[in-house]
Amino acid sequence: MAEPLKNLLHPALVKTMANQIAAHSAGFDTARFVDLATHDMPQLELMQRATQIRDALAVTLPDDFEQAAAILSASLPQSGRTGISGWALLPVSQFVAQKGLGHFDLSLALLKQLTPHFTAEFGIRPFILAEQDRALATIGEWTTDSDHHVRRLASEGTRPRLPWAIRLPALMRDPQPILPILTALLDDPEDYVRRSVANSLNDIAKDHPDLVAAFVGEQIAAASPERRQLLRHASRTLLKKGHAAALSNFGFAPLSGIGATVEIRTPHVDFGNAVAFTLTIVNDGSAPQQVMVDYAIHHRKANGSLAPKVFKWKSLVLAPGETTTMTRQHAIRAITTRQYYPGGHRLEILVNGAVLAGGDFQLVIP
């Protein structure tokens, strides 16, 4: 069984933090910090533990933020010397976000310094909320930084809908201010950075689908394979929804003469097994057609209603008169992000975003 996520922050890590901070602050009360940071820790979840450690820093570091920031900066790994790193920096970035708003430039510089050792994507968001133009002016400069972690922070930290983080309502309403940041990173040499750019664009597409489809259309001309992959990933929500302009960006025209049937080969699925199905798709038209085949599982919810989740499958070109058959198995097993309920479920086949076939199956949970 996987280790609980909350155990990424644990008492031994707190003690190591205390020793690393004490090495750069003669007056640091390590015993009090450890006591406050680990109080009832087994009962706390990950973010609760991070908040408690953050609060322990607030009590034991100097009240003067400039002094506290200097201590934390010195406590980071430097020149081959160990220091605070990894998940221990989550509460550190929270501390900077909580205490450093009155020291805007110093705080952003510290968050930039710590992000190579653990992402500061959560820590910079309060600064964007407080003074968006000022924060984005600084963050925009990070797109040319030599460290790819810093460049990724520029795109990931400004994502309007970053998971686990506070949302950025102003950028959800108007994402134009972050488009220059994303544009500057479209051809970043690191896939780690480019995927972040794609995820940010996908966030924006949920509120502004036409804007993202138009942006992708402008950026895809003569795109390198890496940029094209980024733009395709950025368009994934739009493609699943059958957005016409997004489909057109990747050569998928409106369907003409395409038909499909699906056979559910496992009408009863025991939990832990898979629903198996076979798709037959035919092009009855007079011209070749490029098609994108996805499928949706309509999962049963606690109230008995069904909610779809779309999964990618395959893209192919069908010649005139061509028929092709594909098979698939989709596992129905325990995952942390979904609660399954027994009863009727539905599977649907989507071709270029349009539902062309479907069938039902029963999920059996002992």
Foldseek 3Di string as FASTA:
>chain_A
DDDAPQVQDALVLLLQQLVLLCVQPVQFDSVQLSCQLCPVSVVDGNVRSLQSNLVSLCVGADVPVVRSLVSQLSQPDDDNRHGDADPSCSSVLVNCLVRPLVVLVSSVVSQLSHQVRPHSLQSLQSNCQVPVVVSLVVLLVQCPDPDVSSLLSSLQSQQQCRPPHDGRVVCLVPVVSSVSSLVSCLVPPDLSNLLSSLVSLLSNCVRVVVVLLVVLLVPVVVDDPSSVVSSCSSCVVVQLQLPQSNCVSVPAHPDDQKAKEKDFPAQEAEAQFWTKMKMKMWRQDQAKGKKFKKKWKFAADPVGGTDIDIDGDDIDIHGHGDMDMDMDIDHRYDDPPDDHDWAKMKMFMAISNHTRYIDIHTYDYD
